Amino acid sequence: MEGVNSEILKEICIVKMPFGKYEGTVLADLPISYLEWFTRKGMPKGKLGMQLSTVYEIKLNGLMDLLIPIRASVK
C-alpha cells in the first residue's frame, strides 16, 4: 500500500463519529450519502475532516476491501 498511511486506515476502522446524525458510528461504516453531504457542505477541520475524506475516497473508488484485514486486526 505505497503512499497510504496505514495508521490513518487503522484509525478510520476504530474512531467513531463524534457528532451528528451518525454519532457513535465507526467512520468506515458511515454511509456514502453522509460523506457526500460533507463533501458538498465542507468537511470538518483538522484530523476528523482528513479521516472522513479518506473514508469518502475509499468508498467512492470501491476500495473497502483494503479495510478487511485492518478491521480483523483491531477487533
PDB file of N, CA and C in Angstrom:
ATOM      1  N   MET A   1       0.842  -1.191   0.000  1.00  0.00           N
ATOM      2  CA  MET A   1       0.000   0.000   0.000  1.00  0.00           C
ATOM      3  C   MET A   1       0.883   1.248   0.000  1.00  0.00           C
ATOM      4  N   GLU A   2       1.655   1.374  -1.015  1.00  0.00           N
ATOM      5  CA  GLU A   2       2.555   2.511  -1.133  1.00  0.00           C
ATOM      6  C   GLU A   2       1.760   3.807  -1.207  1.00  0.00           C
ATOM      7  N   GLY A   3       2.185   4.808  -0.455  1.00  0.00           N
ATOM      8  CA  GLY A   3       1.533   6.105  -0.469  1.00  0.00           C
ATOM      9  C   GLY A   3       0.330   6.204   0.459  1.00  0.00           C
ATOM     10  N   VAL A   4       0.000   5.104   1.137  1.00  0.00           N
ATOM     11  CA  VAL A   4      -1.145   5.106   2.046  1.00  0.00           C
ATOM     12  C   VAL A   4      -0.626   4.996   3.468  1.00  0.00           C
ATOM     13  N   ASN A   5      -1.080   5.890   4.314  1.00  0.00           N
ATOM     14  CA  ASN A   5      -0.682   5.872   5.710  1.00  0.00           C
ATOM     15  C   ASN A   5      -1.516   4.822   6.431  1.00  0.00           C
ATOM     16  N   SER A   6      -0.887   3.710   6.801  1.00  0.00           N
ATOM     17  CA  SER A   6      -1.618   2.614   7.430  1.00  0.00           C
ATOM     18  C   SER A   6      -2.230   3.023   8.775  1.00  0.00           C
ATOM     19  N   GLU A   7      -1.633   3.996   9.438  1.00  0.00           N
ATOM     20  CA  GLU A   7      -2.188   4.463  10.715  1.00  0.00           C
ATOM     21  C   GLU A   7      -3.549   5.129  10.492  1.00  0.00           C
ATOM     22  N   ILE A   8      -3.681   5.879   9.416  1.00  0.00           N
ATOM     23  CA  ILE A   8      -4.966   6.515   9.090  1.00  0.00           C
ATOM     24  C   ILE A   8      -6.018   5.444   8.811  1.00  0.00           C
ATOM     25  N   LEU A   9      -5.636   4.417   8.067  1.00  0.00           N
ATOM     26  CA  LEU A   9      -6.577   3.340   7.764  1.00  0.00           C
ATOM     27  C   LEU A   9      -7.021   2.638   9.050  1.00  0.00           C
ATOM     28  N   LYS A  10      -6.081   2.444   9.959  1.00  0.00           N
ATOM     29  CA  LYS A  10      -6.428   1.819  11.237  1.00  0.00           C
ATOM     30  C   LYS A  10      -7.381   2.712  12.033  1.00  0.00           C
ATOM     31  N   GLU A  11      -7.090   4.002  12.048  1.00  0.00           N
ATOM     32  CA  GLU A  11      -7.937   4.950  12.790  1.00  0.00           C
ATOM     33  C   GLU A  11      -9.372   4.956  12.277  1.00  0.00           C
ATOM     34  N   ILE A  12      -9.562   4.953  10.953  1.00  0.00           N
ATOM     35  CA  ILE A  12     -10.930   5.035  10.433  1.00  0.00           C
ATOM     36  C   ILE A  12     -11.727   3.765  10.705  1.00  0.00           C
ATOM     37  N   CYS A  13     -11.041   2.700  11.092  1.00  0.00           N
ATOM     38  CA  CYS A  13     -11.712   1.461  11.468  1.00  0.00           C
ATOM     39  C   CYS A  13     -12.030   1.400  12.964  1.00  0.00           C
ATOM     40  N   ILE A  14     -11.546   2.388  13.713  1.00  0.00           N
ATOM     41  CA  ILE A  14     -11.733   2.406  15.175  1.00  0.00           C
ATOM     42  C   ILE A  14     -12.518   3.633  15.630  1.00  0.00           C
ATOM     43  N   VAL A  15     -12.135   4.794  15.119  1.00  0.00           N
ATOM     44  CA  VAL A  15     -12.703   6.073  15.565  1.00  0.00           C
ATOM     45  C   VAL A  15     -14.182   6.148  15.209  1.00  0.00           C
ATOM     46  N   LYS A  16     -14.965   6.677  16.145  1.00  0.00           N
ATOM     47  CA  LYS A  16     -16.400   6.834  15.934  1.00  0.00           C
ATOM     48  C   LYS A  16     -16.747   8.293  15.674  1.00  0.00           C
ATOM     49  N   MET A  17     -17.770   8.494  14.886  1.00  0.00           N
ATOM     50  CA  MET A  17     -18.246   9.837  14.562  1.00  0.00           C
ATOM     51  C   MET A  17     -18.652  10.519  15.871  1.00  0.00           C
ATOM     52  N   PRO A  18     -18.070  11.684  16.168  1.00  0.00           N
ATOM     53  CA  PRO A  18     -18.310  12.315  17.463  1.00  0.00           C
ATOM     54  C   PRO A  18     -19.586  13.160  17.555  1.00  0.00           C
ATOM     55  N   PHE A  19     -20.285  13.380  16.441  1.00  0.00           N
ATOM     56  CA  PHE A  19     -21.471  14.240  16.480  1.00  0.00           C
ATOM     57  C   PHE A  19     -22.383  13.929  15.302  1.00  0.00           C
ATOM     58  N   GLY A  20     -23.558  14.532  15.332  1.00  0.00           N
ATOM     59  CA  GLY A  20     -24.463  14.471  14.189  1.00  0.00           C
ATOM     60  C   GLY A  20     -25.327  13.225  14.120  1.00  0.00           C
ATOM     61  N   LYS A  21     -25.939  13.071  12.977  1.00  0.00           N
ATOM     62  CA  LYS A  21     -26.902  12.004  12.721  1.00  0.00           C
ATOM     63  C   LYS A  21     -26.320  10.617  12.990  1.00  0.00           C
ATOM     64  N   TYR A  22     -25.048  10.438  12.695  1.00  0.00           N
ATOM     65  CA  TYR A  22     -24.409   9.134  12.851  1.00  0.00           C
ATOM     66  C   TYR A  22     -23.418   9.098  14.011  1.00  0.00           C
ATOM     67  N   GLU A  23     -23.672   9.901  15.023  1.00  0.00           N
ATOM     68  CA  GLU A  23     -22.814   9.911  16.212  1.00  0.00           C
ATOM     69  C   GLU A  23     -22.682   8.495  16.763  1.00  0.00           C
ATOM     70  N   GLY A  24     -21.434   8.086  17.042  1.00  0.00           N
ATOM     71  CA  GLY A  24     -21.170   6.765  17.592  1.00  0.00           C
ATOM     72  C   GLY A  24     -20.909   5.695  16.545  1.00  0.00           C
ATOM     73  N   THR A  25     -21.057   6.031  15.269  1.00  0.00           N
ATOM     74  CA  THR A  25     -20.799   5.077  14.186  1.00  0.00           C
ATOM     75  C   THR A  25     -19.316   5.116  13.813  1.00  0.00           C
ATOM     76  N   VAL A  26     -18.711   3.948  13.647  1.00  0.00           N
ATOM     77  CA  VAL A  26     -17.317   3.880  13.207  1.00  0.00           C
ATOM     78  C   VAL A  26     -17.224   4.584  11.851  1.00  0.00           C
ATOM     79  N   LEU A  27     -16.198   5.408  11.683  1.00  0.00           N
ATOM     80  CA  LEU A  27     -16.068   6.212  10.466  1.00  0.00           C
ATOM     81  C   LEU A  27     -16.153   5.373   9.194  1.00  0.00           C
ATOM     82  N   ALA A  28     -15.525   4.210   9.183  1.00  0.00           N
ATOM     83  CA  ALA A  28     -15.541   3.354   7.994  1.00  0.00           C
ATOM     84  C   ALA A  28     -16.942   2.834   7.669  1.00  0.00           C
ATOM     85  N   ASP A  29     -17.852   2.906   8.625  1.00  0.00           N
ATOM     86  CA  ASP A  29     -19.216   2.406   8.430  1.00  0.00           C
ATOM     87  C   ASP A  29     -20.212   3.502   8.043  1.00  0.00           C
ATOM     88  N   LEU A  30     -19.741   4.732   7.943  1.00  0.00           N
ATOM     89  CA  LEU A  30     -20.647   5.823   7.568  1.00  0.00           C
ATOM     90  C   LEU A  30     -21.131   5.617   6.136  1.00  0.00           C
ATOM     91  N   PRO A  31     -22.413   5.911   5.885  1.00  0.00           N
ATOM     92  CA  PRO A  31     -22.918   5.752   4.517  1.00  0.00           C
ATOM     93  C   PRO A  31     -22.314   6.783   3.567  1.00  0.00           C
ATOM     94  N   ILE A  32     -22.160   6.383   2.328  1.00  0.00           N
ATOM     95  CA  ILE A  32     -21.566   7.269   1.322  1.00  0.00           C
ATOM     96  C   ILE A  32     -22.387   8.546   1.168  1.00  0.00           C
ATOM     97  N   SER A  33     -23.699   8.457   1.334  1.00  0.00           N
ATOM     98  CA  SER A  33     -24.544   9.649   1.196  1.00  0.00           C
ATOM     99  C   SER A  33     -24.182  10.708   2.243  1.00  0.00           C
ATOM    100  N   TYR A  34     -23.854  10.275   3.444  1.00  0.00           N
ATOM    101  CA  TYR A  34     -23.457  11.205   4.511  1.00  0.00           C
ATOM    102  C   TYR A  34     -22.108  11.843   4.176  1.00  0.00           C
ATOM    103  N   LEU A  35     -21.193  11.044   3.641  1.00  0.00           N
ATOM    104  CA  LEU A  35     -19.885  11.565   3.254  1.00  0.00           C
ATOM    105  C   LEU A  35     -20.002  12.511   2.063  1.00  0.00           C
ATOM    106  N   GLU A  36     -20.920  12.223   1.148  1.00  0.00           N
ATOM    107  CA  GLU A  36     -21.173  13.128   0.018  1.00  0.00           C
ATOM    108  C   GLU A  36     -21.720  14.464   0.516  1.00  0.00           C
ATOM    109  N   TRP A  37     -22.571  14.401   1.527  1.00  0.00           N
ATOM    110  CA  TRP A  37     -23.122  15.630   2.111  1.00  0.00           C
ATOM    111  C   TRP A  37     -21.991  16.491   2.673  1.00  0.00           C
ATOM    112  N   PHE A  38     -21.084  15.871   3.414  1.00  0.00           N
ATOM    113  CA  PHE A  38     -19.934  16.608   3.952  1.00  0.00           C
ATOM    114  C   PHE A  38     -19.079  17.179   2.828  1.00  0.00           C
ATOM    115  N   THR A  39     -18.928  16.428   1.760  1.00  0.00           N
ATOM    116  CA  THR A  39     -18.128  16.897   0.624  1.00  0.00           C
ATOM    117  C   THR A  39     -18.754  18.165   0.033  1.00  0.00           C
ATOM    118  N   ARG A  40     -20.072  18.189  -0.063  1.00  0.00           N
ATOM    119  CA  ARG A  40     -20.770  19.371  -0.594  1.00  0.00           C
ATOM    120  C   ARG A  40     -20.737  20.545   0.384  1.00  0.00           C
ATOM    121  N   LYS A  41     -20.966  20.275   1.655  1.00  0.00           N
ATOM    122  CA  LYS A  41     -21.092  21.330   2.673  1.00  0.00           C
ATOM    123  C   LYS A  41     -19.762  21.770   3.261  1.00  0.00           C
ATOM    124  N   GLY A  42     -18.763  20.889   3.159  1.00  0.00           N
ATOM    125  CA  GLY A  42     -17.449  21.176   3.740  1.00  0.00           C
ATOM    126  C   GLY A  42     -17.135  20.195   4.857  1.00  0.00           C
ATOM    127  N   MET A  43     -16.000  19.567   4.722  1.00  0.00           N
ATOM    128  CA  MET A  43     -15.560  18.612   5.746  1.00  0.00           C
ATOM    129  C   MET A  43     -15.174  19.378   7.011  1.00  0.00           C
ATOM    130  N   PRO A  44     -15.314  18.735   8.177  1.00  0.00           N
ATOM    131  CA  PRO A  44     -14.847  19.363   9.409  1.00  0.00           C
ATOM    132  C   PRO A  44     -13.354  19.664   9.305  1.00  0.00           C
ATOM    133  N   LYS A  45     -12.904  20.614  10.059  1.00  0.00           N
ATOM    134  CA  LYS A  45     -11.485  20.976  10.085  1.00  0.00           C
ATOM    135  C   LYS A  45     -10.687  19.902  10.821  1.00  0.00           C
ATOM    136  N   GLY A  46      -9.419  19.862  10.548  1.00  0.00           N
ATOM    137  CA  GLY A  46      -8.489  19.030  11.302  1.00  0.00           C
ATOM    138  C   GLY A  46      -8.515  17.563  10.946  1.00  0.00           C
ATOM    139  N   LYS A  47      -8.135  16.762  11.928  1.00  0.00           N
ATOM    140  CA  LYS A  47      -7.945  15.327  11.723  1.00  0.00           C
ATOM    141  C   LYS A  47      -9.233  14.621  11.317  1.00  0.00           C
ATOM    142  N   LEU A  48     -10.358  14.987  11.922  1.00  0.00           N
ATOM    143  CA  LEU A  48     -11.625  14.345  11.586  1.00  0.00           C
ATOM    144  C   LEU A  48     -11.963  14.556  10.109  1.00  0.00           C
ATOM    145  N   GLY A  49     -11.763  15.755   9.616  1.00  0.00           N
ATOM    146  CA  GLY A  49     -12.023  16.043   8.210  1.00  0.00           C
ATOM    147  C   GLY A  49     -11.150  15.198   7.296  1.00  0.00           C
ATOM    148  N   MET A  50      -9.898  15.022   7.672  1.00  0.00           N
ATOM    149  CA  MET A  50      -8.984  14.197   6.889  1.00  0.00           C
ATOM    150  C   MET A  50      -9.432  12.732   6.914  1.00  0.00           C
ATOM    151  N   GLN A  51      -9.859  12.269   8.071  1.00  0.00           N
ATOM    152  CA  GLN A  51     -10.331  10.892   8.188  1.00  0.00           C
ATOM    153  C   GLN A  51     -11.594  10.678   7.349  1.00  0.00           C
ATOM    154  N   LEU A  52     -12.534  11.612   7.430  1.00  0.00           N
ATOM    155  CA  LEU A  52     -13.764  11.495   6.649  1.00  0.00           C
ATOM    156  C   LEU A  52     -13.477  11.547   5.149  1.00  0.00           C
ATOM    157  N   SER A  53     -12.569  12.406   4.744  1.00  0.00           N
ATOM    158  CA  SER A  53     -12.178  12.489   3.330  1.00  0.00           C
ATOM    159  C   SER A  53     -11.567  11.176   2.860  1.00  0.00           C
ATOM    160  N   THR A  54     -10.790  10.552   3.728  1.00  0.00           N
ATOM    161  CA  THR A  54     -10.176   9.269   3.395  1.00  0.00           C
ATOM    162  C   THR A  54     -11.242   8.194   3.210  1.00  0.00           C
ATOM    163  N   VAL A  55     -12.196   8.128   4.137  1.00  0.00           N
ATOM    164  CA  VAL A  55     -13.286   7.154   4.020  1.00  0.00           C
ATOM    165  C   VAL A  55     -14.068   7.403   2.731  1.00  0.00           C
ATOM    166  N   TYR A  56     -14.347   8.661   2.436  1.00  0.00           N
ATOM    167  CA  TYR A  56     -15.089   9.009   1.224  1.00  0.00           C
ATOM    168  C   TYR A  56     -14.357   8.515  -0.025  1.00  0.00           C
ATOM    169  N   GLU A  57     -13.066   8.767  -0.106  1.00  0.00           N
ATOM    170  CA  GLU A  57     -12.284   8.342  -1.274  1.00  0.00           C
ATOM    171  C   GLU A  57     -12.244   6.817  -1.392  1.00  0.00           C
ATOM    172  N   ILE A  58     -12.119   6.138  -0.276  1.00  0.00           N
ATOM    173  CA  ILE A  58     -12.105   4.674  -0.274  1.00  0.00           C
ATOM    174  C   ILE A  58     -13.431   4.141  -0.805  1.00  0.00           C
ATOM    175  N   LYS A  59     -14.538   4.675  -0.287  1.00  0.00           N
ATOM    176  CA  LYS A  59     -15.858   4.206  -0.715  1.00  0.00           C
ATOM    177  C   LYS A  59     -16.143   4.595  -2.156  1.00  0.00           C
ATOM    178  N   LEU A  60     -15.801   5.792  -2.527  1.00  0.00           N
ATOM    179  CA  LEU A  60     -16.045   6.292  -3.878  1.00  0.00           C
ATOM    180  C   LEU A  60     -15.333   5.442  -4.927  1.00  0.00           C
ATOM    181  N   ASN A  61     -14.154   4.964  -4.587  1.00  0.00           N
ATOM    182  CA  ASN A  61     -13.341   4.191  -5.523  1.00  0.00           C
ATOM    183  C   ASN A  61     -13.463   2.675  -5.345  1.00  0.00           C
ATOM    184  N   GLY A  62     -14.422   2.245  -4.516  1.00  0.00           N
ATOM    185  CA  GLY A  62     -14.664   0.814  -4.342  1.00  0.00           C
ATOM    186  C   GLY A  62     -13.521   0.065  -3.697  1.00  0.00           C
ATOM    187  N   LEU A  63     -12.859   0.693  -2.738  1.00  0.00           N
ATOM    188  CA  LEU A  63     -11.674   0.099  -2.115  1.00  0.00           C
ATOM    189  C   LEU A  63     -11.904  -0.386  -0.681  1.00  0.00           C
ATOM    190  N   MET A  64     -13.147  -0.654  -0.317  1.00  0.00           N
ATOM    191  CA  MET A  64     -13.433  -1.091   1.050  1.00  0.00           C
ATOM    192  C   MET A  64     -12.712  -2.389   1.419  1.00  0.00           C
ATOM    193  N   ASP A  65     -12.371  -3.190   0.423  1.00  0.00           N
ATOM    194  CA  ASP A  65     -11.639  -4.441   0.703  1.00  0.00           C
ATOM    195  C   ASP A  65     -10.280  -4.170   1.355  1.00  0.00           C
ATOM    196  N   LEU A  66      -9.738  -2.979   1.157  1.00  0.00           N
ATOM    197  CA  LEU A  66      -8.477  -2.596   1.814  1.00  0.00           C
ATOM    198  C   LEU A  66      -8.607  -2.674   3.339  1.00  0.00           C
ATOM    199  N   LEU A  67      -9.805  -2.445   3.831  1.00  0.00           N
ATOM    200  CA  LEU A  67     -10.005  -2.360   5.287  1.00  0.00           C
ATOM    201  C   LEU A  67     -10.272  -3.704   5.946  1.00  0.00           C
ATOM    202  N   ILE A  68     -10.539  -4.738   5.174  1.00  0.00           N
ATOM    203  CA  ILE A  68     -10.881  -6.043   5.756  1.00  0.00           C
ATOM    204  C   ILE A  68      -9.789  -6.558   6.688  1.00  0.00           C
ATOM    205  N   PRO A  69      -8.527  -6.628   6.248  1.00  0.00           N
ATOM    206  CA  PRO A  69      -7.501  -7.147   7.181  1.00  0.00           C
ATOM    207  C   PRO A  69      -7.257  -6.208   8.364  1.00  0.00           C
ATOM    208  N   ILE A  70      -7.424  -4.922   8.140  1.00  0.00           N
ATOM    209  CA  ILE A  70      -7.225  -3.956   9.231  1.00  0.00           C
ATOM    210  C   ILE A  70      -8.318  -4.136  10.278  1.00  0.00           C
ATOM    211  N   ARG A  71      -9.549  -4.270   9.835  1.00  0.00           N
ATOM    212  CA  ARG A  71     -10.660  -4.448  10.771  1.00  0.00           C
ATOM    213  C   ARG A  71     -10.514  -5.745  11.548  1.00  0.00           C
ATOM    214  N   ALA A  72     -10.022  -6.774  10.890  1.00  0.00           N
ATOM    215  CA  ALA A  72      -9.824  -8.066  11.565  1.00  0.00           C
ATOM    216  C   ALA A  72      -8.761  -7.954  12.652  1.00  0.00           C
ATOM    217  N   SER A  73      -7.764  -7.103  12.435  1.00  0.00           N
ATOM    218  CA  SER A  73      -6.678  -6.988  13.403  1.00  0.00           C
ATOM    219  C   SER A  73      -7.009  -6.071  14.573  1.00  0.00           C
ATOM    220  N   VAL A  74      -8.020  -5.225  14.451  1.00  0.00           N
ATOM    221  CA  VAL A  74      -8.342  -4.290  15.530  1.00  0.00           C
ATOM    222  C   VAL A  74      -9.506  -4.751  16.397  1.00  0.00           C
ATOM    223  N   LYS A  75     -10.092  -5.895  16.081  1.00  0.00           N
ATOM    224  CA  LYS A  75     -11.226  -6.395  16.878  1.00  0.00           C
ATOM    225  C   LYS A  75     -10.779  -7.033  18.148  1.00  0.00           C
TER     226      LYS A  75
END
